[in-house]
C-alpha atoms as a PDB file:
ATOM      1  CA  MET A   1       0.000   0.000   0.000  1.00  0.00           C
ATOM      2  CA  HIS A   2       0.984   3.593  -0.552  1.00  0.00           C
ATOM      3  CA  ILE A   3      -0.191   6.852   1.002  1.00  0.00           C
ATOM      4  CA  ILE A   4       0.221  10.116  -0.900  1.00  0.00           C
ATOM      5  CA  LEU A   5       0.023  13.455   0.887  1.00  0.00           C
ATOM      6  CA  HIS A   6      -0.503  16.304  -1.575  1.00  0.00           C
ATOM      7  CA  GLN A   7       1.058  19.454  -0.111  1.00  0.00           C
ATOM      8  CA  PRO A   8       0.582  18.669   3.593  1.00  0.00           C
ATOM      9  CA  GLU A   9       0.705  21.733   5.861  1.00  0.00           C
ATOM     10  CA  ILE A  10       0.807  20.517   9.465  1.00  0.00           C
ATOM     11  CA  PRO A  11       3.952  18.675  10.576  1.00  0.00           C
ATOM     12  CA  ALA A  12       2.274  16.790  13.434  1.00  0.00           C
ATOM     13  CA  ASN A  13      -0.242  15.255  11.023  1.00  0.00           C
ATOM     14  CA  THR A  14       2.534  14.114   8.696  1.00  0.00           C
ATOM     15  CA  GLY A  15       4.457  12.696  11.657  1.00  0.00           C
ATOM     16  CA  ASN A  16       1.412  10.738  12.832  1.00  0.00           C
ATOM     17  CA  ILE A  17       0.769   9.483   9.308  1.00  0.00           C
ATOM     18  CA  GLY A  18       4.421   8.458   9.012  1.00  0.00           C
ATOM     19  CA  ARG A  19       4.107   6.406  12.197  1.00  0.00           C
ATOM     20  CA  THR A  20       0.954   4.721  10.869  1.00  0.00           C
ATOM     21  CA  CYS A  21       2.791   3.945   7.631  1.00  0.00           C
ATOM     22  CA  VAL A  22       5.691   2.344   9.513  1.00  0.00           C
ATOM     23  CA  ALA A  23       3.256   0.265  11.608  1.00  0.00           C
ATOM     24  CA  THR A  24       1.526  -1.033   8.483  1.00  0.00           C
ATOM     25  CA  GLY A  25       4.455  -1.406   6.083  1.00  0.00           C
ATOM     26  CA  THR A  26       3.016   1.344   3.903  1.00  0.00           C
ATOM     27  CA  SER A  27       5.096   3.718   1.786  1.00  0.00           C
ATOM     28  CA  LEU A  28       4.582   7.453   2.197  1.00  0.00           C
ATOM     29  CA  HIS A  29       4.788   9.809  -0.782  1.00  0.00           C
ATOM     30  CA  LEU A  30       4.987  13.566  -0.136  1.00  0.00           C
ATOM     31  CA  ILE A  31       4.143  15.998  -2.927  1.00  0.00           C
ATOM     32  CA  GLU A  32       5.612  19.476  -2.452  1.00  0.00           C
ATOM     33  CA  PRO A  33       5.356  22.194  -1.485  1.00  0.00           C
ATOM     34  CA  LEU A  34       5.269  21.087   2.139  1.00  0.00           C
ATOM     35  CA  GLY A  35       4.105  23.511   4.814  1.00  0.00           C
ATOM     36  CA  PHE A  36       7.113  22.609   6.977  1.00  0.00           C
ATOM     37  CA  ARG A  37      10.613  21.166   6.869  1.00  0.00           C
ATOM     38  CA  LEU A  38      11.017  17.419   7.325  1.00  0.00           C
ATOM     39  CA  ASP A  39      13.660  17.976   9.983  1.00  0.00           C
ATOM     40  CA  GLU A  40      11.253  19.811  12.295  1.00  0.00           C
ATOM     41  CA  LYS A  41      10.977  18.530  15.839  1.00  0.00           C
ATOM     42  CA  SER A  42       7.185  18.298  15.591  1.00  0.00           C
ATOM     43  CA  ILE A  43       7.413  15.662  12.846  1.00  0.00           C
ATOM     44  CA  LYS A  44       9.926  13.631  14.791  1.00  0.00           C
ATOM     45  CA  ARG A  45       7.868  13.970  17.980  1.00  0.00           C
ATOM     46  CA  ALA A  46       4.631  12.848  16.290  1.00  0.00           C
ATOM     47  CA  GLY A  47       6.406  10.013  14.478  1.00  0.00           C
ATOM     48  CA  MET A  48       8.452   9.264  17.584  1.00  0.00           C
ATOM     49  CA  ASP A  49      11.412   7.008  16.983  1.00  0.00           C
ATOM     50  CA  TYR A  50       9.749   5.318  14.011  1.00  0.00           C
ATOM     51  CA  TRP A  51      10.494   8.049  11.468  1.00  0.00           C
ATOM     52  CA  GLU A  52      13.910   6.584  10.595  1.00  0.00           C
ATOM     53  CA  HIS A  53      12.160   3.354   9.507  1.00  0.00           C
ATOM     54  CA  LEU A  54       9.713   5.133   7.190  1.00  0.00           C
ATOM     55  CA  ASP A  55       9.811   4.474   3.445  1.00  0.00           C
ATOM     56  CA  VAL A  56       9.232   8.067   2.312  1.00  0.00           C
ATOM     57  CA  THR A  57       9.674   9.700  -1.098  1.00  0.00           C
ATOM     58  CA  ARG A  58       9.345  13.396  -1.972  1.00  0.00           C
ATOM     59  CA  TYR A  59       8.203  14.838  -5.289  1.00  0.00           C
ATOM     60  CA  ILE A  60       8.510  18.400  -6.571  1.00  0.00           C
ATOM     61  CA  ASN A  61       4.896  18.336  -7.785  1.00  0.00           C
ATOM     62  CA  TYR A  62       2.028  16.048  -8.780  1.00  0.00           C
ATOM     63  CA  GLN A  63       3.331  15.798 -12.346  1.00  0.00           C
ATOM     64  CA  GLU A  64       6.643  14.368 -11.146  1.00  0.00           C
ATOM     65  CA  PHE A  65       4.745  11.809  -9.072  1.00  0.00           C
ATOM     66  CA  LEU A  66       2.724  10.730 -12.138  1.00  0.00           C
ATOM     67  CA  GLU A  67       5.886  10.476 -14.256  1.00  0.00           C
ATOM     68  CA  LYS A  68       7.543   8.200 -11.689  1.00  0.00           C
ATOM     69  CA  HIS A  69       4.399   6.064 -11.217  1.00  0.00           C
ATOM     70  CA  PRO A  70       2.716   6.063 -14.658  1.00  0.00           C
ATOM     71  CA  ASN A  71       0.481   3.037 -14.047  1.00  0.00           C
ATOM     72  CA  ALA A  72      -0.407   3.704 -10.417  1.00  0.00           C
ATOM     73  CA  LYS A  73      -3.962   3.030  -9.266  1.00  0.00           C
ATOM     74  CA  ILE A  74      -4.707   6.157  -7.213  1.00  0.00           C
ATOM     75  CA  TRP A  75      -7.729   6.526  -4.956  1.00  0.00           C
ATOM     76  CA  MET A  76      -8.391  10.147  -4.040  1.00  0.00           C
ATOM     77  CA  ALA A  77      -9.872  10.781  -0.610  1.00  0.00           C
ATOM     78  CA  THR A  78     -12.034  13.895  -0.694  1.00  0.00           C
ATOM     79  CA  THR A  79     -15.139  15.233   1.000  1.00  0.00           C
ATOM     80  CA  LYS A  80     -16.394  16.055  -2.505  1.00  0.00           C
ATOM     81  CA  ALA A  81     -16.649  12.414  -3.676  1.00  0.00           C
ATOM     82  CA  LYS A  82     -19.905  10.617  -4.441  1.00  0.00           C
ATOM     83  CA  HIS A  83     -18.726   7.182  -3.252  1.00  0.00           C
ATOM     84  CA  SER A  84     -17.661   5.932   0.170  1.00  0.00           C
ATOM     85  CA  TYR A  85     -14.252   4.397   0.744  1.00  0.00           C
ATOM     86  CA  THR A  86     -16.076   1.165   1.675  1.00  0.00           C
ATOM     87  CA  ASP A  87     -17.648   0.972  -1.796  1.00  0.00           C
ATOM     88  CA  VAL A  88     -14.381   0.258  -3.611  1.00  0.00           C
ATOM     89  CA  LYS A  89     -11.987  -2.689  -3.826  1.00  0.00           C
ATOM     90  CA  PHE A  90      -8.447  -1.734  -2.878  1.00  0.00           C
ATOM     91  CA  GLY A  91      -5.551  -3.681  -4.372  1.00  0.00           C
ATOM     92  CA  PRO A  92      -2.347  -4.414  -2.423  1.00  0.00           C
ATOM     93  CA  ASP A  93      -0.284  -1.978  -4.501  1.00  0.00           C
ATOM     94  CA  ASP A  94      -2.820   0.859  -4.671  1.00  0.00           C
ATOM     95  CA  PHE A  95      -2.089   4.464  -3.759  1.00  0.00           C
ATOM     96  CA  ILE A  96      -4.454   6.496  -1.594  1.00  0.00           C
ATOM     97  CA  MET A  97      -4.076  10.251  -1.944  1.00  0.00           C
ATOM     98  CA  PHE A  98      -5.036  12.900   0.607  1.00  0.00           C
ATOM     99  CA  GLY A  99      -4.892  16.658   0.135  1.00  0.00           C
ATOM    100  CA  LYS A 100      -3.614  19.457   2.303  1.00  0.00           C
ATOM    101  CA  GLU A 101      -5.434  20.231   5.514  1.00  0.00           C
ATOM    102  CA  SER A 102      -6.815  23.625   4.439  1.00  0.00           C
ATOM    103  CA  ALA A 103      -8.138  22.758   0.991  1.00  0.00           C
ATOM    104  CA  GLY A 104      -7.891  19.045   0.176  1.00  0.00           C
ATOM    105  CA  ILE A 105      -6.845  17.731  -3.230  1.00  0.00           C
ATOM    106  CA  PRO A 106      -7.098  20.425  -5.941  1.00  0.00           C
ATOM    107  CA  GLU A 107     -10.339  20.185  -7.889  1.00  0.00           C
ATOM    108  CA  GLU A 108      -8.347  20.194 -11.151  1.00  0.00           C
ATOM    109  CA  ILE A 109      -6.965  16.794 -10.126  1.00  0.00           C
ATOM    110  CA  LEU A 110     -10.310  15.510  -8.815  1.00  0.00           C
ATOM    111  CA  VAL A 111     -12.290  16.198 -11.997  1.00  0.00           C
ATOM    112  CA  GLU A 112      -9.742  14.215 -14.009  1.00  0.00           C
ATOM    113  CA  ASN A 113     -10.149  11.235 -11.646  1.00  0.00           C
ATOM    114  CA  GLU A 114     -13.825  11.277 -10.670  1.00  0.00           C
ATOM    115  CA  GLU A 115     -14.202   7.481 -10.774  1.00  0.00           C
ATOM    116  CA  ASN A 116     -11.408   7.096  -8.213  1.00  0.00           C
ATOM    117  CA  CYS A 117     -12.673   9.693  -5.727  1.00  0.00           C
ATOM    118  CA  ILE A 118     -13.787   8.309  -2.367  1.00  0.00           C
ATOM    119  CA  ARG A 119     -15.073   9.854   0.849  1.00  0.00           C
ATOM    120  CA  ILE A 120     -15.485   9.059   4.513  1.00  0.00           C
ATOM    121  CA  PRO A 121     -19.162   9.486   5.444  1.00  0.00           C
ATOM    122  CA  MET A 122     -19.823  12.107   8.113  1.00  0.00           C
ATOM    123  CA  LEU A 123     -22.529  14.489   9.229  1.00  0.00           C
ATOM    124  CA  PRO A 124     -23.164  17.384   6.817  1.00  0.00           C
ATOM    125  CA  GLU A 125     -22.318  20.014   9.446  1.00  0.00           C
ATOM    126  CA  ILE A 126     -18.712  18.797   9.610  1.00  0.00           C
ATOM    127  CA  ARG A 127     -16.283  20.159   7.010  1.00  0.00           C
ATOM    128  CA  SER A 128     -13.724  17.372   7.357  1.00  0.00           C
ATOM    129  CA  LEU A 129     -11.916  15.024   9.715  1.00  0.00           C
ATOM    130  CA  ASN A 130      -8.328  15.425  10.889  1.00  0.00           C
ATOM    131  CA  LEU A 131      -5.924  14.354   8.131  1.00  0.00           C
ATOM    132  CA  SER A 132      -4.067  11.723  10.149  1.00  0.00           C
ATOM    133  CA  ASN A 133      -7.374  10.205  11.325  1.00  0.00           C
ATOM    134  CA  SER A 134      -8.669  10.111   7.744  1.00  0.00           C
ATOM    135  CA  VAL A 135      -5.528   8.335   6.545  1.00  0.00           C
ATOM    136  CA  ALA A 136      -5.838   5.728   9.307  1.00  0.00           C
ATOM    137  CA  ILE A 137      -9.532   5.080   8.589  1.00  0.00           C
ATOM    138  CA  VAL A 138      -9.114   4.547   4.842  1.00  0.00           C
ATOM    139  CA  LEU A 139      -5.740   2.771   5.047  1.00  0.00           C
ATOM    140  CA  TYR A 140      -6.977   0.205   7.547  1.00  0.00           C
ATOM    141  CA  GLU A 141     -10.009  -0.557   5.378  1.00  0.00           C
ATOM    142  CA  ALA A 142      -7.679  -1.095   2.409  1.00  0.00           C
ATOM    143  CA  LEU A 143      -5.462  -3.344   4.521  1.00  0.00           C
ATOM    144  CA  ARG A 144      -8.493  -5.261   5.850  1.00  0.00           C
ATOM    145  CA  GLN A 145      -9.667  -5.890   2.294  1.00  0.00           C
ATOM    146  CA  ASN A 146      -6.241  -7.389   1.604  1.00  0.00           C
ATOM    147  CA  ASP A 147      -6.373  -9.630   4.717  1.00  0.00           C
ATOM    148  CA  PHE A 148      -3.778  -7.516   6.564  1.00  0.00           C
ATOM    149  CA  CYS A 149      -1.162  -9.271   4.438  1.00  0.00           C
ATOM    150  CA  GLY A 150       2.130  -9.646   6.324  1.00  0.00           C
ATOM    151  CA  MET A 151       0.815  -7.970   9.464  1.00  0.00           C
ATOM    152  CA  GLN A 152       0.619  -9.417  12.957  1.00  0.00           C
ATOM    153  CA  THR A 153      -3.066 -10.003  13.737  1.00  0.00           C
ATOM    154  CA  GLU A 154      -2.761 -11.610  17.187  1.00  0.00           C
ATOM    155  CA  GLY A 155      -1.146 -10.294  20.343  1.00  0.00           C
ATOM    156  CA  GLU A 156       0.188 -11.758  23.554  1.00  0.00           C
ATOM    157  CA  LEU A 157      -0.225 -10.578  27.120  1.00  0.00           C
ATOM    158  CA  HIS A 158       2.952  -9.522  28.931  1.00  0.00           C
ATOM    159  CA  ARG A 159       2.376 -10.957  32.402  1.00  0.00           C
ATOM    160  CA  LEU A 160      -0.669 -13.227  32.132  1.00  0.00           C
ATOM    161  CA  GLN A 161      -2.021 -15.818  29.702  1.00  0.00           C
ATOM    162  CA  TRP A 162      -5.226 -15.748  27.700  1.00  0.00           C
ATOM    163  CA  LYS A 163      -7.866 -18.241  28.858  1.00  0.00           C
ATOM    164  CA  GLU A 164      -8.400 -21.015  26.333  1.00  0.00           C
END
């Protein structure tokens, strides 16, 4: 799986998303301009000590991303979509794109990809969810659809044993 952040603005969100990507074996793709520097303390703090394990790639712009991934299946998460993220079938190598916190994915990109636009249902009074929460919601549905391939799905207690 791959997460794309198109021009993210808030370093703590990107740090949290980076940590989620490390926990799920997901690659993170950052499309510039970024609203922060990647060496900021707030990114490291949000991503904690996981940031060094993150598979992250930066792109100058959306066009460069498309040139480097010409056959990518890209789902675009937007509050403007007609279809829910649960209505689609995610493949194991799909990309899920999220826009910047203040404006989302540019409408010029959305209109060219209408069939791949998905949304998280919410009450009409709410403009949007937090970016890092939105990434986690949609990413985990995509991973669930792919049987959490390669992920640990059972845990163990530290001091006690589960009853059989």
